Amino acid sequence: MRIKMFFLFAALISLLCPACPAQTDIAASLYGAFNQSTSGNGTEQSPANSAGGLIEVRHIHNPLVGYEATYSYNRANQGLSNGLIACPGLSCTVSTAAISANAHEVTGDWVISFKAGSFRPFALAGGGLLLNVPSGGTVTTTTYCPVCALSAQTTSPAATSTSTKGVFVYGAGVDWALLPHIGLRLQYRGNLYQASSLATAFSSTNAFTHTAEPMIGAYFRF
């Protein structure tokens, strides 16, 4: 459905703006990364929401032919758990992890747009790589004994590994020209990718997840 809407929007743009001048710009934006939790293979993964920054280099050749290269960075801390709802025997063990990480994303995107006065609405779709690099963390293991009403807890450094995933990107927004070469860029970008556990003691959920990124930034147009 989203793909059909994308091409319908493209056809509408071609009718509204048959001949718009080519242009190139560089932009920097701040955004909030709002992540979805996932579960699977006995693991529950809860990524933390965070703030980040995006750099874009964009070239608009005509309303239907535009492209950009982007780099973005944000913190990507994770909470992990393989907790049991009930103890099947005399005792049970629950493990949780708190992982600190940094997320780096590089994408190439197709952009369609049209100019309407001081505004240039646009839509985009593309893909790239999402690199999550852990910087430390801990694993806490708690052993419960319901029969004897005792519990024991240990905390140790987490063994971690870097994760690289493909990511599909889509979005839409508007450029608002304040001066001939400078303006504001307001946009929303969505990332769809396969979640992965950064702690080697936990299985990956192997579930697809989504990150929503509302953004505000500024551009300089050449």
C-alpha atoms as a PDB file:
ATOM      1  CA  MET A   1       0.000   0.000   0.000  1.00  0.00           C
ATOM      2  CA  ARG A   2       2.790   2.433   0.875  1.00  0.00           C
ATOM      3  CA  ILE A   3       4.589   1.625  -2.399  1.00  0.00           C
ATOM      4  CA  LYS A   4       1.407   2.347  -4.410  1.00  0.00           C
ATOM      5  CA  MET A   5       0.980   5.687  -2.612  1.00  0.00           C
ATOM      6  CA  PHE A   6       4.628   6.553  -3.325  1.00  0.00           C
ATOM      7  CA  PHE A   7       4.215   6.085  -7.098  1.00  0.00           C
ATOM      8  CA  LEU A   8       0.846   7.846  -7.088  1.00  0.00           C
ATOM      9  CA  PHE A   9       2.519  10.827  -5.434  1.00  0.00           C
ATOM     10  CA  ALA A  10       5.289  10.678  -8.051  1.00  0.00           C
ATOM     11  CA  ALA A  11       2.783  10.791 -10.912  1.00  0.00           C
ATOM     12  CA  LEU A  12       1.014  13.779  -9.340  1.00  0.00           C
ATOM     13  CA  ILE A  13       4.317  15.649  -9.015  1.00  0.00           C
ATOM     14  CA  SER A  14       5.177  15.087 -12.670  1.00  0.00           C
ATOM     15  CA  LEU A  15       1.920  16.831 -13.642  1.00  0.00           C
ATOM     16  CA  LEU A  16       2.302  19.731 -11.229  1.00  0.00           C
ATOM     17  CA  CYS A  17       5.954  20.555 -11.955  1.00  0.00           C
ATOM     18  CA  PRO A  18       7.067  19.450 -15.444  1.00  0.00           C
ATOM     19  CA  ALA A  19      10.250  21.550 -15.493  1.00  0.00           C
ATOM     20  CA  CYS A  20      11.921  22.498 -12.208  1.00  0.00           C
ATOM     21  CA  PRO A  21      15.594  23.542 -12.043  1.00  0.00           C
ATOM     22  CA  ALA A  22      18.178  21.060 -10.762  1.00  0.00           C
ATOM     23  CA  GLN A  23      19.712  21.786  -7.389  1.00  0.00           C
ATOM     24  CA  THR A  24      22.098  20.327  -4.818  1.00  0.00           C
ATOM     25  CA  ASP A  25      22.110  20.886  -1.068  1.00  0.00           C
ATOM     26  CA  ILE A  26      23.696  19.721   2.144  1.00  0.00           C
ATOM     27  CA  ALA A  27      21.642  19.502   5.323  1.00  0.00           C
ATOM     28  CA  ALA A  28      22.057  18.708   9.006  1.00  0.00           C
ATOM     29  CA  SER A  29      19.159  17.632  11.222  1.00  0.00           C
ATOM     30  CA  LEU A  30      18.438  16.602  14.791  1.00  0.00           C
ATOM     31  CA  TYR A  31      15.962  13.815  15.449  1.00  0.00           C
ATOM     32  CA  GLY A  32      14.398  11.579  18.043  1.00  0.00           C
ATOM     33  CA  ALA A  33      14.718   7.808  17.528  1.00  0.00           C
ATOM     34  CA  PHE A  34      11.647   5.988  18.865  1.00  0.00           C
ATOM     35  CA  ASN A  35      12.109   2.215  18.808  1.00  0.00           C
ATOM     36  CA  GLN A  36       9.813  -0.791  19.015  1.00  0.00           C
ATOM     37  CA  SER A  37      10.452  -3.694  21.379  1.00  0.00           C
ATOM     38  CA  THR A  38      10.661  -7.236  19.991  1.00  0.00           C
ATOM     39  CA  SER A  39      10.468 -10.753  21.375  1.00  0.00           C
ATOM     40  CA  GLY A  40      11.331 -14.201  20.074  1.00  0.00           C
ATOM     41  CA  ASN A  41      13.505 -17.260  20.711  1.00  0.00           C
ATOM     42  CA  GLY A  42      13.043 -16.775  24.451  1.00  0.00           C
ATOM     43  CA  THR A  43      14.465 -13.238  24.389  1.00  0.00           C
ATOM     44  CA  GLU A  44      12.762  -9.914  25.009  1.00  0.00           C
ATOM     45  CA  GLN A  45      14.579  -6.886  23.580  1.00  0.00           C
ATOM     46  CA  SER A  46      13.766  -3.323  24.634  1.00  0.00           C
ATOM     47  CA  PRO A  47      15.779  -0.650  22.767  1.00  0.00           C
ATOM     48  CA  ALA A  48      15.974   2.740  24.464  1.00  0.00           C
ATOM     49  CA  ASN A  49      14.645   5.854  22.739  1.00  0.00           C
ATOM     50  CA  SER A  50      17.337   8.447  22.057  1.00  0.00           C
ATOM     51  CA  ALA A  51      18.315  11.620  20.209  1.00  0.00           C
ATOM     52  CA  GLY A  52      20.560  11.684  17.153  1.00  0.00           C
ATOM     53  CA  GLY A  53      21.900  13.659  14.219  1.00  0.00           C
ATOM     54  CA  LEU A  54      21.649  13.248  10.433  1.00  0.00           C
ATOM     55  CA  ILE A  55      23.775  14.643   7.594  1.00  0.00           C
ATOM     56  CA  GLU A  56      22.376  14.618   4.043  1.00  0.00           C
ATOM     57  CA  VAL A  57      23.799  15.447   0.638  1.00  0.00           C
ATOM     58  CA  ARG A  58      20.907  15.700  -1.817  1.00  0.00           C
ATOM     59  CA  HIS A  59      20.645  16.376  -5.550  1.00  0.00           C
ATOM     60  CA  ILE A  60      17.311  17.112  -7.210  1.00  0.00           C
ATOM     61  CA  HIS A  61      17.544  16.731 -10.993  1.00  0.00           C
ATOM     62  CA  ASN A  62      13.814  17.045 -11.665  1.00  0.00           C
ATOM     63  CA  PRO A  63      10.587  16.298  -9.742  1.00  0.00           C
ATOM     64  CA  LEU A  64      10.856  12.549 -10.354  1.00  0.00           C
ATOM     65  CA  VAL A  65      14.631  12.156 -10.272  1.00  0.00           C
ATOM     66  CA  GLY A  66      16.347  13.054  -7.026  1.00  0.00           C
ATOM     67  CA  TYR A  67      18.765  11.176  -4.830  1.00  0.00           C
ATOM     68  CA  GLU A  68      20.658  11.603  -1.599  1.00  0.00           C
ATOM     69  CA  ALA A  69      23.338  10.026   0.555  1.00  0.00           C
ATOM     70  CA  THR A  70      22.924  10.158   4.343  1.00  0.00           C
ATOM     71  CA  TYR A  71      24.820   9.385   7.516  1.00  0.00           C
ATOM     72  CA  SER A  72      23.174   9.349  10.929  1.00  0.00           C
ATOM     73  CA  TYR A  73      24.259   8.633  14.497  1.00  0.00           C
ATOM     74  CA  ASN A  74      22.416   8.023  17.748  1.00  0.00           C
ATOM     75  CA  ARG A  75      22.824   6.110  20.984  1.00  0.00           C
ATOM     76  CA  ALA A  76      21.383   2.583  20.729  1.00  0.00           C
ATOM     77  CA  ASN A  77      21.238   1.203  24.269  1.00  0.00           C
ATOM     78  CA  GLN A  78      19.422  -2.094  24.728  1.00  0.00           C
ATOM     79  CA  GLY A  79      17.709  -3.944  27.540  1.00  0.00           C
ATOM     80  CA  LEU A  80      17.494  -7.742  27.184  1.00  0.00           C
ATOM     81  CA  SER A  81      15.742 -10.418  29.186  1.00  0.00           C
ATOM     82  CA  ASN A  82      15.145 -14.160  29.009  1.00  0.00           C
ATOM     83  CA  GLY A  83      12.938 -14.194  32.113  1.00  0.00           C
ATOM     84  CA  LEU A  84      10.554 -17.029  32.908  1.00  0.00           C
ATOM     85  CA  ILE A  85       6.965 -16.348  33.916  1.00  0.00           C
ATOM     86  CA  ALA A  86       6.851 -19.305  36.306  1.00  0.00           C
ATOM     87  CA  CYS A  87       9.430 -21.656  37.814  1.00  0.00           C
ATOM     88  CA  PRO A  88       9.007 -25.147  36.360  1.00  0.00           C
ATOM     89  CA  GLY A  89      10.827 -26.848  39.236  1.00  0.00           C
ATOM     90  CA  LEU A  90      12.402 -26.163  42.597  1.00  0.00           C
ATOM     91  CA  SER A  91      14.297 -23.156  41.217  1.00  0.00           C
ATOM     92  CA  CYS A  92      14.610 -21.043  38.087  1.00  0.00           C
ATOM     93  CA  THR A  93      17.063 -18.541  36.665  1.00  0.00           C
ATOM     94  CA  VAL A  94      16.292 -15.193  35.051  1.00  0.00           C
ATOM     95  CA  SER A  95      18.936 -13.205  33.161  1.00  0.00           C
ATOM     96  CA  THR A  96      18.769  -9.554  32.152  1.00  0.00           C
ATOM     97  CA  ALA A  97      21.289  -7.371  30.361  1.00  0.00           C
ATOM     98  CA  ALA A  98      21.835  -3.634  29.991  1.00  0.00           C
ATOM     99  CA  ILE A  99      23.964  -2.857  26.929  1.00  0.00           C
ATOM    100  CA  SER A 100      25.378   0.542  25.947  1.00  0.00           C
ATOM    101  CA  ALA A 101      25.831   0.998  22.200  1.00  0.00           C
ATOM    102  CA  ASN A 102      26.166   3.483  19.347  1.00  0.00           C
ATOM    103  CA  ALA A 103      24.211   3.238  16.080  1.00  0.00           C
ATOM    104  CA  HIS A 104      25.659   4.378  12.739  1.00  0.00           C
ATOM    105  CA  GLU A 105      23.479   4.348   9.619  1.00  0.00           C
ATOM    106  CA  VAL A 106      24.463   4.984   5.989  1.00  0.00           C
ATOM    107  CA  THR A 107      21.803   5.060   3.274  1.00  0.00           C
ATOM    108  CA  GLY A 108      21.175   5.983  -0.339  1.00  0.00           C
ATOM    109  CA  ASP A 109      17.647   7.241  -1.093  1.00  0.00           C
ATOM    110  CA  TRP A 110      15.479   8.126  -4.079  1.00  0.00           C
ATOM    111  CA  VAL A 111      13.718  11.484  -3.679  1.00  0.00           C
ATOM    112  CA  ILE A 112      10.716  12.951  -5.470  1.00  0.00           C
ATOM    113  CA  SER A 113       9.713  16.564  -4.851  1.00  0.00           C
ATOM    114  CA  PHE A 114       8.120  19.689  -6.269  1.00  0.00           C
ATOM    115  CA  LYS A 115       8.371  23.391  -5.574  1.00  0.00           C
ATOM    116  CA  ALA A 116       5.367  25.387  -4.358  1.00  0.00           C
ATOM    117  CA  GLY A 117       6.337  28.965  -3.546  1.00  0.00           C
ATOM    118  CA  SER A 118       8.740  28.961  -0.593  1.00  0.00           C
ATOM    119  CA  PHE A 119       8.056  25.287   0.090  1.00  0.00           C
ATOM    120  CA  ARG A 120       9.306  22.058  -1.475  1.00  0.00           C
ATOM    121  CA  PRO A 121       7.438  18.951  -0.279  1.00  0.00           C
ATOM    122  CA  PHE A 122       9.260  15.663  -0.855  1.00  0.00           C
ATOM    123  CA  ALA A 123       8.989  11.931  -0.342  1.00  0.00           C
ATOM    124  CA  LEU A 124      11.806   9.393  -0.255  1.00  0.00           C
ATOM    125  CA  ALA A 125      12.568   5.685  -0.162  1.00  0.00           C
ATOM    126  CA  GLY A 126      15.863   3.832  -0.077  1.00  0.00           C
ATOM    127  CA  GLY A 127      18.112   1.503   1.848  1.00  0.00           C
ATOM    128  CA  GLY A 128      21.501   1.024   3.401  1.00  0.00           C
ATOM    129  CA  LEU A 129      23.310  -0.415   6.382  1.00  0.00           C
ATOM    130  CA  LEU A 130      22.708  -0.031  10.122  1.00  0.00           C
ATOM    131  CA  LEU A 131      25.760  -0.666  12.306  1.00  0.00           C
ATOM    132  CA  ASN A 132      25.257  -1.109  16.064  1.00  0.00           C
ATOM    133  CA  VAL A 133      28.529  -0.969  18.023  1.00  0.00           C
ATOM    134  CA  PRO A 134      28.335  -1.938  21.718  1.00  0.00           C
ATOM    135  CA  SER A 135      30.486   0.015  24.169  1.00  0.00           C
ATOM    136  CA  GLY A 136      29.922  -2.081  27.288  1.00  0.00           C
ATOM    137  CA  GLY A 137      27.244  -3.535  29.494  1.00  0.00           C
ATOM    138  CA  THR A 138      26.350  -5.912  32.293  1.00  0.00           C
ATOM    139  CA  VAL A 139      24.436  -9.164  32.675  1.00  0.00           C
ATOM    140  CA  THR A 140      22.515  -9.796  35.903  1.00  0.00           C
ATOM    141  CA  THR A 141      21.503 -13.374  36.732  1.00  0.00           C
ATOM    142  CA  THR A 142      18.957 -14.045  39.464  1.00  0.00           C
ATOM    143  CA  THR A 143      18.196 -17.542  40.755  1.00  0.00           C
ATOM    144  CA  TYR A 144      14.841 -17.953  42.492  1.00  0.00           C
ATOM    145  CA  CYS A 145      13.917 -20.768  44.845  1.00  0.00           C
ATOM    146  CA  PRO A 146      10.167 -20.518  45.594  1.00  0.00           C
ATOM    147  CA  VAL A 147      10.216 -23.605  47.827  1.00  0.00           C
ATOM    148  CA  CYS A 148      12.952 -22.347  50.103  1.00  0.00           C
ATOM    149  CA  ALA A 149      11.982 -18.646  49.744  1.00  0.00           C
ATOM    150  CA  LEU A 150      15.556 -17.684  48.825  1.00  0.00           C
ATOM    151  CA  SER A 151      17.165 -15.983  45.840  1.00  0.00           C
ATOM    152  CA  ALA A 152      20.712 -15.255  44.693  1.00  0.00           C
ATOM    153  CA  GLN A 153      21.900 -12.590  42.268  1.00  0.00           C
ATOM    154  CA  THR A 154      25.159 -12.082  40.388  1.00  0.00           C
ATOM    155  CA  THR A 155      26.247  -9.301  38.018  1.00  0.00           C
ATOM    156  CA  SER A 156      29.084  -9.597  35.527  1.00  0.00           C
ATOM    157  CA  PRO A 157      30.391  -7.724  32.446  1.00  0.00           C
ATOM    158  CA  ALA A 158      28.478  -8.620  29.277  1.00  0.00           C
ATOM    159  CA  ALA A 159      30.164 -10.259  26.313  1.00  0.00           C
ATOM    160  CA  THR A 160      29.029  -8.247  23.267  1.00  0.00           C
ATOM    161  CA  SER A 161      29.334  -8.274  19.501  1.00  0.00           C
ATOM    162  CA  THR A 162      28.799  -5.690  16.760  1.00  0.00           C
ATOM    163  CA  SER A 163      25.709  -6.038  14.595  1.00  0.00           C
ATOM    164  CA  THR A 164      25.352  -5.022  10.931  1.00  0.00           C
ATOM    165  CA  LYS A 165      21.885  -5.121   9.374  1.00  0.00           C
ATOM    166  CA  GLY A 166      20.322  -3.987   6.139  1.00  0.00           C
ATOM    167  CA  VAL A 167      17.731  -1.246   6.585  1.00  0.00           C
ATOM    168  CA  PHE A 168      14.837   0.002   4.446  1.00  0.00           C
ATOM    169  CA  VAL A 169      14.169   3.737   4.768  1.00  0.00           C
ATOM    170  CA  TYR A 170      11.071   5.713   3.802  1.00  0.00           C
ATOM    171  CA  GLY A 171       9.939   9.202   4.638  1.00  0.00           C
ATOM    172  CA  ALA A 172       8.423  12.531   3.686  1.00  0.00           C
ATOM    173  CA  GLY A 173       8.866  16.160   4.577  1.00  0.00           C
ATOM    174  CA  VAL A 174       9.126  19.711   3.369  1.00  0.00           C
ATOM    175  CA  ASP A 175      11.874  22.268   2.746  1.00  0.00           C
ATOM    176  CA  TRP A 176      10.985  25.821   3.743  1.00  0.00           C
ATOM    177  CA  ALA A 177      13.134  28.465   2.048  1.00  0.00           C
ATOM    178  CA  LEU A 178      13.959  31.346   4.401  1.00  0.00           C
ATOM    179  CA  LEU A 179      16.702  32.880   2.208  1.00  0.00           C
ATOM    180  CA  PRO A 180      17.718  32.169  -1.412  1.00  0.00           C
ATOM    181  CA  HIS A 181      20.155  29.402  -0.370  1.00  0.00           C
ATOM    182  CA  ILE A 182      19.209  28.635   3.249  1.00  0.00           C
ATOM    183  CA  GLY A 183      16.113  27.120   4.783  1.00  0.00           C
ATOM    184  CA  LEU A 184      14.555  24.701   7.232  1.00  0.00           C
ATOM    185  CA  ARG A 185      13.958  21.007   6.571  1.00  0.00           C
ATOM    186  CA  LEU A 186      11.146  19.275   8.453  1.00  0.00           C
ATOM    187  CA  GLN A 187      10.781  15.564   7.832  1.00  0.00           C
ATOM    188  CA  TYR A 188       9.786  12.154   9.139  1.00  0.00           C
ATOM    189  CA  ARG A 189      11.863   9.074   8.386  1.00  0.00           C
ATOM    190  CA  GLY A 190      11.032   5.473   9.205  1.00  0.00           C
ATOM    191  CA  ASN A 191      13.552   2.616   9.395  1.00  0.00           C
ATOM    192  CA  LEU A 192      12.576  -1.045   8.980  1.00  0.00           C
ATOM    193  CA  TYR A 193      15.200  -3.680   9.822  1.00  0.00           C
ATOM    194  CA  GLN A 194      15.806  -6.995  11.586  1.00  0.00           C
ATOM    195  CA  ALA A 195      16.519  -6.636  15.297  1.00  0.00           C
ATOM    196  CA  SER A 196      19.602  -8.273  16.755  1.00  0.00           C
ATOM    197  CA  SER A 197      20.933  -8.885  20.236  1.00  0.00           C
ATOM    198  CA  LEU A 198      24.232  -7.214  21.077  1.00  0.00           C
ATOM    199  CA  ALA A 199      24.841  -9.499  24.069  1.00  0.00           C
ATOM    200  CA  THR A 200      26.207 -12.883  22.996  1.00  0.00           C
ATOM    201  CA  ALA A 201      24.576 -14.657  25.959  1.00  0.00           C
ATOM    202  CA  PHE A 202      21.116 -13.879  24.531  1.00  0.00           C
ATOM    203  CA  SER A 203      19.547 -15.249  21.371  1.00  0.00           C
ATOM    204  CA  SER A 204      18.472 -12.824  18.677  1.00  0.00           C
ATOM    205  CA  THR A 205      14.725 -12.291  18.480  1.00  0.00           C
ATOM    206  CA  ASN A 206      15.019 -12.503  14.655  1.00  0.00           C
ATOM    207  CA  ALA A 207      12.009 -10.188  14.474  1.00  0.00           C
ATOM    208  CA  PHE A 208      11.662  -7.164  12.239  1.00  0.00           C
ATOM    209  CA  THR A 209      11.371  -3.881  14.059  1.00  0.00           C
ATOM    210  CA  HIS A 210      10.760  -0.217  13.278  1.00  0.00           C
ATOM    211  CA  THR A 211      12.346   3.063  14.321  1.00  0.00           C
ATOM    212  CA  ALA A 212      10.406   6.327  13.873  1.00  0.00           C
ATOM    213  CA  GLU A 213      12.527   9.469  13.443  1.00  0.00           C
ATOM    214  CA  PRO A 214      10.833  12.896  13.370  1.00  0.00           C
ATOM    215  CA  MET A 215      13.439  15.516  12.405  1.00  0.00           C
ATOM    216  CA  ILE A 216      14.117  19.219  12.194  1.00  0.00           C
ATOM    217  CA  GLY A 217      17.155  20.690  10.487  1.00  0.00           C
ATOM    218  CA  ALA A 218      18.599  23.277   8.136  1.00  0.00           C
ATOM    219  CA  TYR A 219      19.944  23.065   4.597  1.00  0.00           C
ATOM    220  CA  PHE A 220      22.322  25.058   2.428  1.00  0.00           C
ATOM    221  CA  ARG A 221      21.461  24.956  -1.273  1.00  0.00           C
ATOM    222  CA  PHE A 222      24.167  25.476  -3.908  1.00  0.00           C
END
